[in-house]
Protein backbone atom coordinates (compact mmCIF):
# COMPACT_ATOMS: atom_id res chain seq x y z
CA MET A 1 27.96 41.86 -23.35
CA ARG A 2 26.24 40.37 -20.34
CA LYS A 3 24.44 37.94 -22.67
CA ASN A 4 27.74 36.74 -24.16
CA ILE A 5 29.26 36.23 -20.71
CA PHE A 6 26.18 34.28 -19.63
CA ASN A 7 26.33 32.08 -22.74
CA ARG A 8 30.03 31.37 -22.17
CA PHE A 9 29.27 30.45 -18.56
CA ILE A 10 26.58 28.01 -19.69
CA ILE A 11 28.90 26.44 -22.26
CA LEU A 12 31.75 26.05 -19.75
CA SER A 13 29.36 24.52 -17.21
CA MET A 14 28.15 21.99 -19.77
CA VAL A 15 31.72 21.11 -20.76
CA PHE A 16 32.71 20.65 -17.10
CA ALA A 17 29.64 18.50 -16.37
CA GLY A 18 30.30 16.37 -19.43
CA SER A 19 33.94 15.87 -18.49
CA LEU A 20 32.97 14.94 -14.94
CA LEU A 21 30.43 12.41 -16.21
CA LEU A 22 32.96 10.91 -18.63
CA TRP A 23 35.58 10.64 -15.89
CA SER A 24 33.20 9.01 -13.43
CA SER A 25 32.06 6.49 -16.03
CA CYS A 26 35.66 5.48 -16.71
CA VAL A 27 36.50 4.92 -13.06
CA LYS A 28 35.74 1.39 -11.88
CA GLU A 29 35.10 1.04 -8.19
CA LYS A 30 37.77 -1.12 -6.66
CA GLU A 31 36.89 -4.05 -4.48
CA PHE A 32 38.01 -3.85 -0.87
CA SER A 33 41.69 -4.86 -0.55
CA GLU A 34 42.18 -5.12 -4.33
CA ASP A 35 44.66 -3.08 -6.42
CA TYR A 36 45.60 -0.75 -3.59
CA ASP A 37 49.10 0.05 -2.45
CA VAL A 38 48.36 -1.05 1.14
CA PRO A 39 50.40 -4.21 1.92
CA TRP A 40 47.50 -6.37 3.12
CA PRO A 41 48.83 -9.45 4.96
CA VAL A 42 48.68 -12.74 3.06
CA PRO A 43 48.36 -15.95 5.11
CA VAL A 44 51.16 -18.48 4.72
CA ILE A 45 50.84 -22.24 5.37
CA SER A 46 54.17 -23.68 6.46
CA GLU A 47 52.95 -27.03 7.78
CA PHE A 48 49.85 -28.88 8.98
CA SER A 49 49.43 -32.01 11.07
CA PRO A 50 48.31 -34.70 11.13
CA LYS A 51 48.35 -35.55 7.43
CA VAL A 52 45.54 -38.06 7.95
CA ALA A 53 42.63 -37.16 10.23
CA ASP A 54 39.30 -38.61 11.31
CA ILE A 55 36.09 -36.64 10.89
CA SER A 56 35.12 -34.39 13.83
CA THR A 57 38.76 -34.24 15.03
CA ASP A 58 41.26 -31.37 15.19
CA PHE A 59 44.24 -30.62 13.00
CA VAL A 60 46.82 -27.86 13.39
CA ILE A 61 48.13 -25.39 10.80
CA THR A 62 51.36 -23.50 11.41
CA GLY A 63 52.62 -20.56 9.39
CA SER A 64 52.49 -16.77 9.45
CA SER A 65 49.89 -13.98 9.16
CA LEU A 66 47.21 -16.36 10.42
CA GLU A 67 45.64 -14.05 12.98
CA LYS A 68 43.21 -12.49 10.47
CA VAL A 69 42.20 -15.78 8.82
CA LYS A 70 38.40 -15.89 8.64
CA THR A 71 37.63 -19.21 6.92
CA VAL A 72 39.36 -22.57 6.60
CA THR A 73 38.17 -25.17 4.09
CA VAL A 74 39.26 -28.74 3.39
CA GLY A 75 38.31 -30.03 -0.03
CA GLY A 76 35.94 -27.07 -0.32
CA THR A 77 34.11 -27.81 2.97
CA THR A 78 34.18 -25.15 5.68
CA CYS A 79 35.72 -26.15 9.02
CA VAL A 80 35.60 -24.50 12.45
CA ILE A 81 38.52 -22.49 13.83
CA THR A 82 38.79 -23.26 17.56
CA GLU A 83 42.14 -21.59 18.41
CA GLN A 84 43.93 -18.83 16.54
CA THR A 85 47.18 -16.92 16.79
CA ASP A 86 49.37 -15.23 14.19
CA SER A 87 51.45 -18.39 13.74
CA LYS A 88 49.04 -21.23 14.55
CA LEU A 89 45.47 -22.35 13.81
CA THR A 90 43.63 -25.22 15.47
CA VAL A 91 40.79 -26.38 13.26
CA THR A 92 37.97 -28.90 13.83
CA LEU A 93 36.77 -31.02 10.92
CA PRO A 94 33.02 -31.44 10.39
CA ARG A 95 31.49 -34.91 10.07
CA VAL A 96 30.71 -34.59 6.38
CA VAL A 97 33.95 -33.61 4.63
CA THR A 98 36.11 -35.12 1.89
CA SER A 99 39.87 -35.28 1.47
CA GLY A 100 41.42 -32.25 -0.20
CA LYS A 101 43.77 -29.32 0.03
CA ILE A 102 43.51 -26.78 2.84
CA GLU A 103 42.58 -23.23 1.87
CA LEU A 104 42.77 -20.19 4.14
CA THR A 105 41.05 -16.86 3.47
CA ASN A 106 41.53 -13.80 5.68
CA VAL A 107 39.38 -10.73 6.27
CA TYR A 108 41.25 -8.93 3.48
CA LYS A 109 40.22 -11.63 0.96
CA LYS A 110 43.79 -12.87 0.68
CA SER A 111 44.13 -16.66 0.38
CA ALA A 112 46.65 -19.46 0.76
CA ILE A 113 46.35 -23.09 -0.38
CA SER A 114 48.37 -25.99 0.97
CA GLU A 115 50.62 -27.95 -1.38
CA GLU A 116 49.49 -31.27 0.09
CA ALA A 117 45.99 -32.58 0.64
CA LEU A 118 44.63 -33.56 4.04
CA ALA A 119 43.41 -37.17 3.91
CA ILE A 120 40.15 -37.88 5.76
CA THR A 121 39.17 -41.22 7.28
CA TYR A 122 35.63 -42.28 8.14
CA PRO A 123 33.94 -44.77 10.46
CA ASN A 124 31.89 -47.54 8.86
CA THR A 125 28.18 -47.01 8.25
CA SER A 126 25.79 -49.79 9.27
CA VAL A 127 22.02 -50.08 8.84
CA THR A 128 19.90 -51.40 11.69
CA GLY A 129 16.40 -50.80 10.33
CA PHE A 130 14.56 -50.35 7.03
CA PRO A 131 10.94 -49.08 6.81
CA GLU A 132 8.21 -51.74 6.92
CA VAL A 133 6.20 -49.88 4.28
CA ILE A 134 6.97 -47.01 1.88
CA TYR A 135 4.27 -44.48 1.01
CA VAL A 136 4.27 -42.83 -2.40
CA ASP A 137 5.50 -39.19 -2.27
CA TYR A 138 6.18 -39.46 1.49
CA PRO A 139 9.69 -39.61 2.98
CA PHE A 140 10.82 -42.59 5.01
CA VAL A 141 13.64 -43.15 7.50
CA ILE A 142 16.47 -45.67 7.55
CA THR A 143 18.11 -46.14 10.95
CA GLY A 144 21.66 -47.16 11.78
CA GLU A 145 25.09 -45.83 12.70
CA ASN A 146 26.86 -42.98 10.89
CA MET A 147 23.89 -42.52 8.57
CA ASP A 148 24.94 -38.94 7.78
CA LEU A 149 27.88 -40.45 5.87
CA VAL A 150 25.62 -42.18 3.31
CA THR A 151 26.27 -40.73 -0.15
CA SER A 152 23.79 -42.61 -2.34
CA LEU A 153 21.37 -45.51 -2.61
CA THR A 154 19.09 -47.07 -5.20
CA LEU A 155 15.35 -47.07 -4.53
CA GLY A 156 13.69 -49.37 -7.03
CA GLY A 157 15.35 -48.23 -10.24
CA THR A 158 16.14 -44.68 -9.10
CA THR A 159 19.52 -43.61 -7.70
CA LEU A 160 19.28 -40.99 -4.93
CA THR A 161 22.25 -38.97 -3.67
CA PHE A 162 22.84 -37.43 -0.24
CA ASP A 163 25.13 -34.78 1.27
CA GLY A 164 24.36 -35.30 4.95
CA SER A 165 21.77 -32.49 5.11
CA THR A 166 18.82 -34.90 5.50
CA ALA A 167 20.48 -37.15 8.05
CA THR A 168 21.71 -37.45 11.60
CA GLU A 169 24.27 -39.93 12.90
CA THR A 170 21.47 -42.46 13.51
CA GLU A 171 18.77 -41.64 10.90
CA LEU A 172 18.69 -41.01 7.15
CA THR A 173 15.53 -39.40 5.74
CA VAL A 174 14.83 -40.41 2.16
CA ALA A 175 12.45 -38.47 -0.10
CA THR A 176 10.39 -40.62 -2.48
CA LYS A 177 8.81 -37.95 -4.68
CA GLY A 178 9.50 -38.74 -8.33
CA ALA A 179 11.09 -42.12 -7.54
CA GLY A 180 8.60 -44.05 -9.71
CA LEU A 181 7.69 -46.63 -7.06
CA GLU A 182 5.70 -49.76 -7.88
CA VAL A 183 3.73 -52.20 -5.71
CA GLU A 184 6.95 -53.42 -4.09
CA THR A 185 10.43 -51.97 -4.05
CA GLN A 186 13.87 -52.65 -2.64
CA ILE A 187 16.60 -50.42 -1.21
CA THR A 188 19.95 -51.45 -2.70
CA ASN A 189 23.47 -50.19 -3.49
CA ILE A 190 23.86 -48.11 -0.34
CA LYS A 191 27.14 -46.21 -0.60
CA CYS A 192 28.92 -44.34 2.20
CA LEU A 193 32.08 -42.28 2.67
CA ALA A 194 33.87 -45.16 4.42
CA GLY A 195 33.24 -47.39 1.41
CA ASN A 196 32.23 -50.44 3.45
CA ASP A 197 29.56 -52.85 2.23
CA ILE A 198 26.00 -52.33 3.50
CA GLN A 199 23.26 -54.92 3.23
CA ASN A 200 20.26 -54.41 0.96
CA SER A 201 16.71 -54.38 2.23
CA GLU A 202 14.13 -57.07 1.62
CA MET A 203 11.24 -56.27 -0.73
CA ILE A 204 9.18 -53.49 0.87
CA PRO A 205 5.46 -52.93 0.08
CA VAL A 206 4.56 -49.56 -1.47
CA GLU A 207 1.24 -47.95 -0.57
CA VAL A 208 -0.63 -44.71 -1.24
CA LYS A 209 -1.32 -42.77 1.94
CA GLU A 210 -4.75 -41.13 2.02
CA ILE A 211 -4.51 -38.86 5.01
CA LEU A 212 -6.11 -35.43 5.18
CA PRO A 213 -4.49 -32.59 7.11
CA PRO A 214 -5.66 -32.23 10.75
CA GLY A 215 -9.05 -30.51 11.04
CA SER A 216 -9.97 -31.02 7.38
CA GLU A 217 -12.17 -34.13 7.62
CA PRO A 218 -15.18 -34.03 5.24
CA PHE A 219 -18.50 -32.96 6.79
CA PHE A 220 -21.96 -31.97 5.65
CA MET A 221 -24.41 -29.20 6.55
CA LEU A 222 -28.19 -29.32 6.82
CA ASP A 223 -30.81 -26.80 5.76
CA PHE A 224 -34.37 -27.41 7.00
CA GLU A 225 -36.04 -24.45 5.31
CA ASP A 226 -37.93 -26.76 2.94
CA ALA A 227 -38.46 -30.44 2.39
CA VAL A 228 -36.51 -30.73 -0.86
CA ASP A 229 -33.00 -32.13 -0.79
CA ARG A 230 -32.55 -31.46 2.89
CA TYR A 231 -28.83 -32.08 2.85
CA THR A 232 -25.90 -32.83 0.62
CA PHE A 233 -22.40 -34.05 1.31
CA TRP A 234 -19.69 -31.51 0.63
CA ASP A 235 -17.55 -32.87 -2.19
CA GLY A 236 -14.99 -30.09 -2.39
CA SER A 237 -11.32 -30.35 -1.60
CA PRO A 238 -10.40 -30.01 2.10
CA VAL A 239 -6.77 -30.42 1.19
CA HIS A 240 -6.73 -27.26 -0.91
CA GLY A 241 -9.39 -25.41 1.10
CA GLU A 242 -11.56 -24.57 -1.91
CA GLU A 243 -14.91 -22.84 -1.45
CA GLU A 244 -17.95 -24.90 -2.49
CA TYR A 245 -21.73 -24.51 -2.61
CA GLY A 246 -24.14 -27.26 -1.62
CA ILE A 247 -27.81 -27.63 -2.44
CA ASN A 248 -30.00 -25.48 -0.20
CA LEU A 249 -27.00 -24.23 1.71
CA SER A 250 -27.24 -20.55 2.50
CA THR A 251 -23.56 -20.04 3.18
CA ARG A 252 -20.29 -21.03 1.67
CA VAL A 253 -18.16 -23.63 3.36
CA ARG A 254 -14.54 -22.71 3.94
CA LEU A 255 -11.88 -24.59 5.89
């Protein structure tokens, strides 16, 4: 009798555990603020002004349920919220931003998108200095005004694109790795967000820079234990710090 009761208990336990496992596998964890009955506030854009704005300036959004807005983007670029109430947002545009619709997202992951696009205007970009020489696989700098607004240029026969991350307002850093440079090259077709014309460079000489890292100049060691091959120059690789043996050297050389 006791054995039958025990067996039934085991069977019921297994059935309960299986049901619990099946139930848990069918339940999908809900994301925060999704598919719940809580009426999470949704931001509403009633108006924004101005309709046309310069980079690095402010624009104002009016509407409702704006107090919990966490991010504001224009054309997909994140802007900075400087003042915030439930009915008004003051937002500062970054320097590198393109025209587009305004999107608000609050802490509850609820969003609102404007019906109209905010048009962005840009100051002209001008170049004041090209490099005198370009070294293969080494970056160079172009100086000027509003250089962070440069979007592309052609180096030799290679078109390079930019998003402002390698530039300041006065300097644009250009990487040359993989550009296929020859003995001379020219910087042409410089494009910027303002769309104004920018002069091309003259022909610029291209050279190979042979500079070792600091403290890695080649050197040699002497061994006076015998009169045969008293010294040898170390012909390893100081750039990569490889270990090398020399003739009659009792120790390894490591940088």
